[in-house]
PDB file of N, CA and C in Angstrom:
ATOM      1  N   MET A   1       7.567 -77.605 -37.585  1.00  0.00           N
ATOM      2  CA  MET A   1       7.138 -76.270 -37.663  1.00  0.00           C
ATOM      3  C   MET A   1       5.947 -76.113 -36.680  1.00  0.00           C
ATOM      4  N   SER A   2       6.074 -75.329 -35.729  1.00  0.00           N
ATOM      5  CA  SER A   2       4.923 -75.012 -34.824  1.00  0.00           C
ATOM      6  C   SER A   2       4.303 -73.718 -35.012  1.00  0.00           C
ATOM      7  N   SER A   3       3.075 -73.642 -34.563  1.00  0.00           N
ATOM      8  CA  SER A   3       2.276 -72.470 -34.629  1.00  0.00           C
ATOM      9  C   SER A   3       2.023 -71.871 -33.325  1.00  0.00           C
ATOM     10  N   MET A   4       1.539 -70.560 -33.401  1.00  0.00           N
ATOM     11  CA  MET A   4       1.174 -70.000 -32.213  1.00  0.00           C
ATOM     12  C   MET A   4      -0.213 -69.305 -32.316  1.00  0.00           C
ATOM     13  N   THR A   5      -0.899 -68.974 -31.277  1.00  0.00           N
ATOM     14  CA  THR A   5      -2.172 -68.402 -31.366  1.00  0.00           C
ATOM     15  C   THR A   5      -2.109 -66.882 -31.565  1.00  0.00           C
ATOM     16  N   VAL A   6      -3.192 -66.306 -31.983  1.00  0.00           N
ATOM     17  CA  VAL A   6      -3.281 -64.894 -32.126  1.00  0.00           C
ATOM     18  C   VAL A   6      -3.090 -64.251 -30.749  1.00  0.00           C
ATOM     19  N   LYS A   7      -3.674 -64.916 -29.738  1.00  0.00           N
ATOM     20  CA  LYS A   7      -3.603 -64.329 -28.397  1.00  0.00           C
ATOM     21  C   LYS A   7      -2.184 -64.303 -27.903  1.00  0.00           C
ATOM     22  N   GLU A   8      -1.455 -65.379 -28.028  1.00  0.00           N
ATOM     23  CA  GLU A   8       0.030 -65.424 -27.668  1.00  0.00           C
ATOM     24  C   GLU A   8       0.799 -64.334 -28.380  1.00  0.00           C
ATOM     25  N   LEU A   9       0.577 -64.159 -29.712  1.00  0.00           N
ATOM     26  CA  LEU A   9       1.332 -63.292 -30.477  1.00  0.00           C
ATOM     27  C   LEU A   9       1.014 -61.762 -30.161  1.00  0.00           C
ATOM     28  N   ALA A  10      -0.308 -61.576 -29.930  1.00  0.00           N
ATOM     29  CA  ALA A  10      -0.774 -60.269 -29.555  1.00  0.00           C
ATOM     30  C   ALA A  10      -0.061 -59.785 -28.234  1.00  0.00           C
ATOM     31  N   LYS A  11      -0.075 -60.765 -27.238  1.00  0.00           N
ATOM     32  CA  LYS A  11       0.492 -60.389 -25.939  1.00  0.00           C
ATOM     33  C   LYS A  11       1.938 -60.113 -26.109  1.00  0.00           C
ATOM     34  N   ASP A  12       2.693 -60.931 -26.822  1.00  0.00           N
ATOM     35  CA  ASP A  12       4.086 -60.739 -27.057  1.00  0.00           C
ATOM     36  C   ASP A  12       4.477 -59.402 -27.787  1.00  0.00           C
ATOM     37  N   MET A  13       3.568 -58.979 -28.779  1.00  0.00           N
ATOM     38  CA  MET A  13       3.794 -57.775 -29.405  1.00  0.00           C
ATOM     39  C   MET A  13       3.142 -56.489 -28.839  1.00  0.00           C
ATOM     40  N   GLY A  14       2.348 -56.715 -27.865  1.00  0.00           N
ATOM     41  CA  GLY A  14       1.815 -55.608 -27.091  1.00  0.00           C
ATOM     42  C   GLY A  14       0.575 -54.995 -27.912  1.00  0.00           C
ATOM     43  N   LEU A  15      -0.081 -55.779 -28.635  1.00  0.00           N
ATOM     44  CA  LEU A  15      -1.258 -55.299 -29.414  1.00  0.00           C
ATOM     45  C   LEU A  15      -2.463 -56.033 -29.002  1.00  0.00           C
ATOM     46  N   SER A  16      -3.680 -55.465 -29.393  1.00  0.00           N
ATOM     47  CA  SER A  16      -4.873 -56.186 -29.066  1.00  0.00           C
ATOM     48  C   SER A  16      -5.084 -57.303 -30.088  1.00  0.00           C
ATOM     49  N   GLU A  17      -5.822 -58.184 -29.868  1.00  0.00           N
ATOM     50  CA  GLU A  17      -6.049 -59.256 -30.801  1.00  0.00           C
ATOM     51  C   GLU A  17      -6.694 -58.816 -32.042  1.00  0.00           C
ATOM     52  N   LEU A  18      -7.597 -57.910 -31.876  1.00  0.00           N
ATOM     53  CA  LEU A  18      -8.323 -57.381 -33.091  1.00  0.00           C
ATOM     54  C   LEU A  18      -7.331 -56.623 -33.997  1.00  0.00           C
ATOM     55  N   MET A  19      -6.448 -55.749 -33.379  1.00  0.00           N
ATOM     56  CA  MET A  19      -5.526 -55.040 -34.178  1.00  0.00           C
ATOM     57  C   MET A  19      -4.584 -56.036 -34.844  1.00  0.00           C
ATOM     58  N   LEU A  20      -4.093 -57.095 -34.204  1.00  0.00           N
ATOM     59  CA  LEU A  20      -3.276 -58.047 -34.748  1.00  0.00           C
ATOM     60  C   LEU A  20      -3.975 -58.789 -35.983  1.00  0.00           C
ATOM     61  N   ARG A  21      -5.171 -59.154 -35.753  1.00  0.00           N
ATOM     62  CA  ARG A  21      -5.930 -59.850 -36.794  1.00  0.00           C
ATOM     63  C   ARG A  21      -5.993 -59.014 -38.070  1.00  0.00           C
ATOM     64  N   GLU A  22      -6.340 -57.717 -37.902  1.00  0.00           N
ATOM     65  CA  GLU A  22      -6.485 -56.833 -39.024  1.00  0.00           C
ATOM     66  C   GLU A  22      -5.176 -56.641 -39.771  1.00  0.00           C
ATOM     67  N   ALA A  23      -4.059 -56.540 -38.986  1.00  0.00           N
ATOM     68  CA  ALA A  23      -2.728 -56.398 -39.569  1.00  0.00           C
ATOM     69  C   ALA A  23      -2.337 -57.617 -40.325  1.00  0.00           C
ATOM     70  N   ILE A  24      -2.675 -58.755 -39.906  1.00  0.00           N
ATOM     71  CA  ILE A  24      -2.370 -60.014 -40.641  1.00  0.00           C
ATOM     72  C   ILE A  24      -3.180 -60.095 -41.901  1.00  0.00           C
ATOM     73  N   LYS A  25      -4.419 -59.755 -41.778  1.00  0.00           N
ATOM     74  CA  LYS A  25      -5.292 -59.746 -42.965  1.00  0.00           C
ATOM     75  C   LYS A  25      -4.760 -58.766 -44.010  1.00  0.00           C
ATOM     76  N   GLU A  26      -4.151 -57.620 -43.572  1.00  0.00           N
ATOM     77  CA  GLU A  26      -3.592 -56.716 -44.481  1.00  0.00           C
ATOM     78  C   GLU A  26      -2.159 -57.030 -44.920  1.00  0.00           C
ATOM     79  N   GLU A  27      -1.668 -58.240 -44.499  1.00  0.00           N
ATOM     80  CA  GLU A  27      -0.381 -58.761 -44.892  1.00  0.00           C
ATOM     81  C   GLU A  27       0.798 -57.910 -44.461  1.00  0.00           C
ATOM     82  N   LYS A  28       0.597 -57.403 -43.207  1.00  0.00           N
ATOM     83  CA  LYS A  28       1.723 -56.648 -42.584  1.00  0.00           C
ATOM     84  C   LYS A  28       2.824 -57.546 -42.083  1.00  0.00           C
ATOM     85  N   PHE A  29       2.488 -58.697 -41.757  1.00  0.00           N
ATOM     86  CA  PHE A  29       3.483 -59.713 -41.227  1.00  0.00           C
ATOM     87  C   PHE A  29       3.598 -60.959 -42.043  1.00  0.00           C
ATOM     88  N   ILE A  30       3.826 -60.651 -43.343  1.00  0.00           N
ATOM     89  CA  ILE A  30       3.800 -61.794 -44.408  1.00  0.00           C
ATOM     90  C   ILE A  30       4.820 -62.880 -44.177  1.00  0.00           C
ATOM     91  N   TYR A  31       5.930 -62.426 -43.446  1.00  0.00           N
ATOM     92  CA  TYR A  31       7.017 -63.368 -43.192  1.00  0.00           C
ATOM     93  C   TYR A  31       6.547 -64.575 -42.197  1.00  0.00           C
ATOM     94  N   PHE A  32       5.731 -64.348 -41.300  1.00  0.00           N
ATOM     95  CA  PHE A  32       5.352 -65.377 -40.305  1.00  0.00           C
ATOM     96  C   PHE A  32       3.921 -65.595 -40.113  1.00  0.00           C
ATOM     97  N   ALA A  33       2.980 -64.829 -40.709  1.00  0.00           N
ATOM     98  CA  ALA A  33       1.539 -64.916 -40.347  1.00  0.00           C
ATOM     99  C   ALA A  33       0.787 -64.796 -41.687  1.00  0.00           C
ATOM    100  N   TRP A  34      -0.265 -65.720 -41.834  1.00  0.00           N
ATOM    101  CA  TRP A  34      -1.105 -65.698 -42.994  1.00  0.00           C
ATOM    102  C   TRP A  34      -2.549 -65.772 -42.651  1.00  0.00           C
ATOM    103  N   ALA A  35      -3.359 -65.172 -43.351  1.00  0.00           N
ATOM    104  CA  ALA A  35      -4.836 -65.188 -43.236  1.00  0.00           C
ATOM    105  C   ALA A  35      -5.327 -65.993 -44.360  1.00  0.00           C
ATOM    106  N   ILE A  36      -6.177 -67.034 -44.081  1.00  0.00           N
ATOM    107  CA  ILE A  36      -6.677 -67.927 -45.006  1.00  0.00           C
ATOM    108  C   ILE A  36      -8.195 -67.753 -45.050  1.00  0.00           C
ATOM    109  N   GLY A  37      -8.727 -67.416 -46.129  1.00  0.00           N
ATOM    110  CA  GLY A  37     -10.199 -67.247 -46.267  1.00  0.00           C
ATOM    111  C   GLY A  37     -10.612 -65.794 -46.449  1.00  0.00           C
ATOM    112  N   SER A  38     -11.841 -65.572 -46.394  1.00  0.00           N
ATOM    113  CA  SER A  38     -12.251 -64.235 -46.588  1.00  0.00           C
ATOM    114  C   SER A  38     -13.570 -63.942 -45.886  1.00  0.00           C
ATOM    115  N   GLY A  39     -14.029 -62.754 -45.744  1.00  0.00           N
ATOM    116  CA  GLY A  39     -15.307 -62.443 -45.051  1.00  0.00           C
ATOM    117  C   GLY A  39     -15.226 -62.695 -43.595  1.00  0.00           C
ATOM    118  N   LYS A  40     -16.211 -63.159 -42.898  1.00  0.00           N
ATOM    119  CA  LYS A  40     -16.225 -63.292 -41.492  1.00  0.00           C
ATOM    120  C   LYS A  40     -15.439 -64.591 -41.026  1.00  0.00           C
ATOM    121  N   ARG A  41     -15.254 -65.520 -41.959  1.00  0.00           N
ATOM    122  CA  ARG A  41     -14.544 -66.754 -41.662  1.00  0.00           C
ATOM    123  C   ARG A  41     -13.156 -66.716 -42.135  1.00  0.00           C
ATOM    124  N   VAL A  42     -12.151 -66.272 -41.349  1.00  0.00           N
ATOM    125  CA  VAL A  42     -10.845 -66.116 -41.682  1.00  0.00           C
ATOM    126  C   VAL A  42      -9.942 -66.966 -40.749  1.00  0.00           C
ATOM    127  N   LYS A  43      -9.234 -67.899 -41.157  1.00  0.00           N
ATOM    128  CA  LYS A  43      -8.349 -68.636 -40.398  1.00  0.00           C
ATOM    129  C   LYS A  43      -6.951 -67.988 -40.424  1.00  0.00           C
ATOM    130  N   ILE A  44      -6.369 -67.727 -39.180  1.00  0.00           N
ATOM    131  CA  ILE A  44      -5.056 -67.106 -39.101  1.00  0.00           C
ATOM    132  C   ILE A  44      -4.081 -68.265 -38.715  1.00  0.00           C
ATOM    133  N   TYR A  45      -2.916 -68.194 -39.504  1.00  0.00           N
ATOM    134  CA  TYR A  45      -1.841 -69.146 -39.145  1.00  0.00           C
ATOM    135  C   TYR A  45      -0.621 -68.379 -38.860  1.00  0.00           C
ATOM    136  N   ILE A  46       0.066 -68.626 -37.739  1.00  0.00           N
ATOM    137  CA  ILE A  46       1.275 -67.935 -37.352  1.00  0.00           C
ATOM    138  C   ILE A  46       2.426 -68.926 -37.111  1.00  0.00           C
ATOM    139  N   ASN A  47       3.460 -68.851 -37.800  1.00  0.00           N
ATOM    140  CA  ASN A  47       4.588 -69.709 -37.624  1.00  0.00           C
ATOM    141  C   ASN A  47       5.557 -69.226 -36.535  1.00  0.00           C
ATOM    142  N   ARG A  48       5.573 -70.014 -35.544  1.00  0.00           N
ATOM    143  CA  ARG A  48       6.411 -69.626 -34.305  1.00  0.00           C
ATOM    144  C   ARG A  48       7.899 -69.468 -34.659  1.00  0.00           C
ATOM    145  N   GLU A  49       8.624 -70.354 -35.357  1.00  0.00           N
ATOM    146  CA  GLU A  49       9.885 -70.199 -35.673  1.00  0.00           C
ATOM    147  C   GLU A  49      10.268 -68.966 -36.563  1.00  0.00           C
ATOM    148  N   ARG A  50       9.385 -68.760 -37.529  1.00  0.00           N
ATOM    149  CA  ARG A  50       9.664 -67.554 -38.350  1.00  0.00           C
ATOM    150  C   ARG A  50       9.452 -66.299 -37.566  1.00  0.00           C
ATOM    151  N   TYR A  51       8.453 -66.316 -36.655  1.00  0.00           N
ATOM    152  CA  TYR A  51       8.218 -65.072 -35.806  1.00  0.00           C
ATOM    153  C   TYR A  51       9.458 -64.781 -34.998  1.00  0.00           C
ATOM    154  N   ILE A  52      10.034 -65.887 -34.348  1.00  0.00           N
ATOM    155  CA  ILE A  52      11.224 -65.715 -33.485  1.00  0.00           C
ATOM    156  C   ILE A  52      12.383 -65.121 -34.241  1.00  0.00           C
ATOM    157  N   LEU A  53      12.530 -65.603 -35.525  1.00  0.00           N
ATOM    158  CA  LEU A  53      13.670 -65.190 -36.368  1.00  0.00           C
ATOM    159  C   LEU A  53      13.382 -63.672 -36.736  1.00  0.00           C
ATOM    160  N   TRP A  54      12.153 -63.324 -37.086  1.00  0.00           N
ATOM    161  CA  TRP A  54      11.714 -61.954 -37.413  1.00  0.00           C
ATOM    162  C   TRP A  54      11.911 -61.040 -36.247  1.00  0.00           C
ATOM    163  N   LYS A  55      11.576 -61.492 -35.103  1.00  0.00           N
ATOM    164  CA  LYS A  55      11.667 -60.646 -33.896  1.00  0.00           C
ATOM    165  C   LYS A  55      13.108 -60.437 -33.577  1.00  0.00           C
ATOM    166  N   ASN A  56      13.947 -61.361 -33.844  1.00  0.00           N
ATOM    167  CA  ASN A  56      15.428 -61.243 -33.484  1.00  0.00           C
ATOM    168  C   ASN A  56      16.168 -60.458 -34.639  1.00  0.00           C
ATOM    169  N   GLY A  57      15.436 -60.100 -35.686  1.00  0.00           N
ATOM    170  CA  GLY A  57      15.991 -59.255 -36.733  1.00  0.00           C
ATOM    171  C   GLY A  57      16.848 -59.965 -37.831  1.00  0.00           C
ATOM    172  N   TYR A  58      16.461 -61.300 -38.014  1.00  0.00           N
ATOM    173  CA  TYR A  58      17.177 -62.058 -39.044  1.00  0.00           C
ATOM    174  C   TYR A  58      16.402 -61.948 -40.365  1.00  0.00           C
ATOM    175  N   ASP A  59      17.118 -61.908 -41.432  1.00  0.00           N
ATOM    176  CA  ASP A  59      16.428 -61.809 -42.737  1.00  0.00           C
ATOM    177  C   ASP A  59      16.239 -63.319 -43.232  1.00  0.00           C
ATOM    178  N   LEU A  60      15.045 -63.627 -43.412  1.00  0.00           N
ATOM    179  CA  LEU A  60      14.690 -64.987 -43.736  1.00  0.00           C
ATOM    180  C   LEU A  60      15.272 -65.445 -45.130  1.00  0.00           C
ATOM    181  N   GLU A  61      15.392 -64.662 -46.085  1.00  0.00           N
ATOM    182  CA  GLU A  61      16.027 -65.033 -47.372  1.00  0.00           C
ATOM    183  C   GLU A  61      17.524 -65.356 -47.181  1.00  0.00           C
ATOM    184  N   LEU A  62      18.195 -64.525 -46.365  1.00  0.00           N
ATOM    185  CA  LEU A  62      19.587 -64.768 -46.144  1.00  0.00           C
ATOM    186  C   LEU A  62      19.742 -66.198 -45.372  1.00  0.00           C
ATOM    187  N   LEU A  63      18.849 -66.515 -44.445  1.00  0.00           N
ATOM    188  CA  LEU A  63      18.992 -67.783 -43.726  1.00  0.00           C
ATOM    189  C   LEU A  63      18.698 -68.881 -44.684  1.00  0.00           C
ATOM    190  N   LYS A  64      17.672 -68.789 -45.659  1.00  0.00           N
ATOM    191  CA  LYS A  64      17.413 -69.851 -46.558  1.00  0.00           C
ATOM    192  C   LYS A  64      18.628 -70.181 -47.425  1.00  0.00           C
ATOM    193  N   ARG A  65      19.272 -69.013 -47.951  1.00  0.00           N
ATOM    194  CA  ARG A  65      20.470 -69.268 -48.650  1.00  0.00           C
ATOM    195  C   ARG A  65      21.553 -69.965 -47.915  1.00  0.00           C
ATOM    196  N   TYR A  66      21.727 -69.482 -46.770  1.00  0.00           N
ATOM    197  CA  TYR A  66      22.813 -70.201 -45.848  1.00  0.00           C
ATOM    198  C   TYR A  66      22.486 -71.597 -45.809  1.00  0.00           C
ATOM    199  N   PHE A  67      21.305 -72.004 -45.366  1.00  0.00           N
ATOM    200  CA  PHE A  67      20.986 -73.361 -45.125  1.00  0.00           C
ATOM    201  C   PHE A  67      21.071 -74.180 -46.453  1.00  0.00           C
ATOM    202  N   ASN A  68      20.718 -73.602 -47.543  1.00  0.00           N
ATOM    203  CA  ASN A  68      20.881 -74.316 -48.852  1.00  0.00           C
ATOM    204  C   ASN A  68      22.295 -74.528 -49.235  1.00  0.00           C
ATOM    205  N   ASP A  69      23.111 -73.480 -48.957  1.00  0.00           N
ATOM    206  CA  ASP A  69      24.654 -73.578 -49.208  1.00  0.00           C
ATOM    207  C   ASP A  69      25.196 -74.737 -48.250  1.00  0.00           C
ATOM    208  N   LEU A  70      24.681 -74.742 -47.056  1.00  0.00           N
ATOM    209  CA  LEU A  70      25.213 -75.689 -46.054  1.00  0.00           C
ATOM    210  C   LEU A  70      24.794 -77.216 -46.562  1.00  0.00           C
ATOM    211  N   GLU A  71      23.687 -77.287 -47.065  1.00  0.00           N
ATOM    212  CA  GLU A  71      23.179 -78.636 -47.524  1.00  0.00           C
ATOM    213  C   GLU A  71      23.962 -79.087 -48.736  1.00  0.00           C
ATOM    214  N   LYS A  72      24.325 -78.083 -49.651  1.00  0.00           N
ATOM    215  CA  LYS A  72      25.107 -78.469 -50.793  1.00  0.00           C
ATOM    216  C   LYS A  72      26.536 -78.762 -50.527  1.00  0.00           C
ATOM    217  N   SER A  73      27.056 -78.207 -49.384  1.00  0.00           N
ATOM    218  CA  SER A  73      28.457 -78.581 -49.037  1.00  0.00           C
ATOM    219  C   SER A  73      28.677 -79.845 -48.428  1.00  0.00           C
ATOM    220  N   LYS A  74      27.568 -80.542 -48.102  1.00  0.00           N
ATOM    221  CA  LYS A  74      27.722 -81.777 -47.305  1.00  0.00           C
ATOM    222  C   LYS A  74      28.081 -82.931 -48.358  1.00  0.00           C
TER     223      LYS A  74
END
Protein backbone atom coordinates (compact mmCIF):
# COMPACT_ATOMS: atom_id res chain seq x y z
CA MET A 1 0.00 0.00 0.00
CA SER A 2 1.51 3.30 -1.00
CA SER A 3 0.55 6.75 0.10
CA MET A 4 0.55 10.11 -1.60
CA THR A 5 1.04 13.64 -0.33
CA VAL A 6 -1.65 16.24 0.10
CA LYS A 7 0.18 18.33 -2.50
CA GLU A 8 0.02 15.52 -5.12
CA LEU A 9 -3.66 14.83 -4.49
CA ALA A 10 -4.61 18.52 -4.46
CA LYS A 11 -2.90 19.01 -7.82
CA ASP A 12 -4.60 15.93 -9.29
CA MET A 13 -8.04 17.01 -8.02
CA GLY A 14 -7.61 20.69 -8.91
CA LEU A 15 -8.04 21.89 -5.33
CA SER A 16 -5.89 23.99 -3.06
CA GLU A 17 -4.04 22.11 -0.33
CA LEU A 18 -6.01 23.92 2.36
CA MET A 19 -9.35 23.03 0.76
CA LEU A 20 -8.30 19.40 0.45
CA ARG A 21 -7.07 19.21 4.06
CA GLU A 22 -10.37 20.62 5.32
CA ALA A 23 -12.38 18.19 3.17
CA ILE A 24 -10.36 15.25 4.50
CA LYS A 25 -10.86 16.42 8.08
CA GLU A 26 -14.61 16.57 7.38
CA GLU A 27 -14.43 12.96 6.10
CA LYS A 28 -15.48 13.83 2.55
CA PHE A 29 -13.03 11.29 1.08
CA ILE A 30 -13.34 8.52 3.67
CA TYR A 31 -12.63 5.78 1.09
CA PHE A 32 -9.02 6.82 0.53
CA ALA A 33 -7.98 9.59 2.97
CA TRP A 34 -7.90 9.86 6.74
CA ALA A 35 -7.11 12.63 9.20
CA ILE A 36 -5.42 11.40 12.36
CA GLY A 37 -5.31 13.65 15.38
CA SER A 38 -7.06 16.88 16.27
CA GLY A 39 -6.41 20.56 16.75
CA LYS A 40 -3.43 22.08 14.98
CA ARG A 41 -1.51 18.78 14.75
CA VAL A 42 -3.35 16.62 12.24
CA LYS A 43 -1.65 13.90 10.22
CA ILE A 44 -3.23 13.23 6.82
CA TYR A 45 -2.92 9.78 5.24
CA ILE A 46 -3.92 9.23 1.60
CA ASN A 47 -3.96 5.71 0.13
CA ARG A 48 -2.85 5.95 -3.51
CA GLU A 49 -4.39 2.64 -4.68
CA ARG A 50 -7.79 3.41 -3.16
CA TYR A 51 -7.71 6.91 -4.64
CA ILE A 52 -7.05 5.52 -8.12
CA LEU A 53 -9.95 3.07 -7.74
CA TRP A 54 -12.24 5.86 -6.51
CA LYS A 55 -11.12 8.15 -9.32
CA ASN A 56 -11.93 5.44 -11.88
CA GLY A 57 -15.39 4.96 -10.37
CA TYR A 58 -14.97 1.53 -8.81
CA ASP A 59 -17.01 0.61 -5.74
CA LEU A 60 -14.53 -0.58 -3.12
CA GLU A 61 -17.02 -2.87 -1.38
CA LEU A 62 -17.76 -4.71 -4.63
CA LEU A 63 -14.04 -5.10 -5.28
CA LYS A 64 -13.48 -6.50 -1.77
CA ARG A 65 -16.23 -9.07 -2.32
CA TYR A 66 -14.80 -9.97 -5.71
CA PHE A 67 -11.30 -10.58 -4.31
CA ASN A 68 -12.68 -12.51 -1.32
CA ASP A 69 -14.68 -14.76 -3.66
CA LEU A 70 -11.62 -15.20 -5.84
CA GLU A 71 -9.54 -16.28 -2.82
CA LYS A 72 -12.23 -18.75 -1.71
CA SER A 73 -12.38 -20.34 -5.14
CA LYS A 74 -8.65 -21.23 -5.12
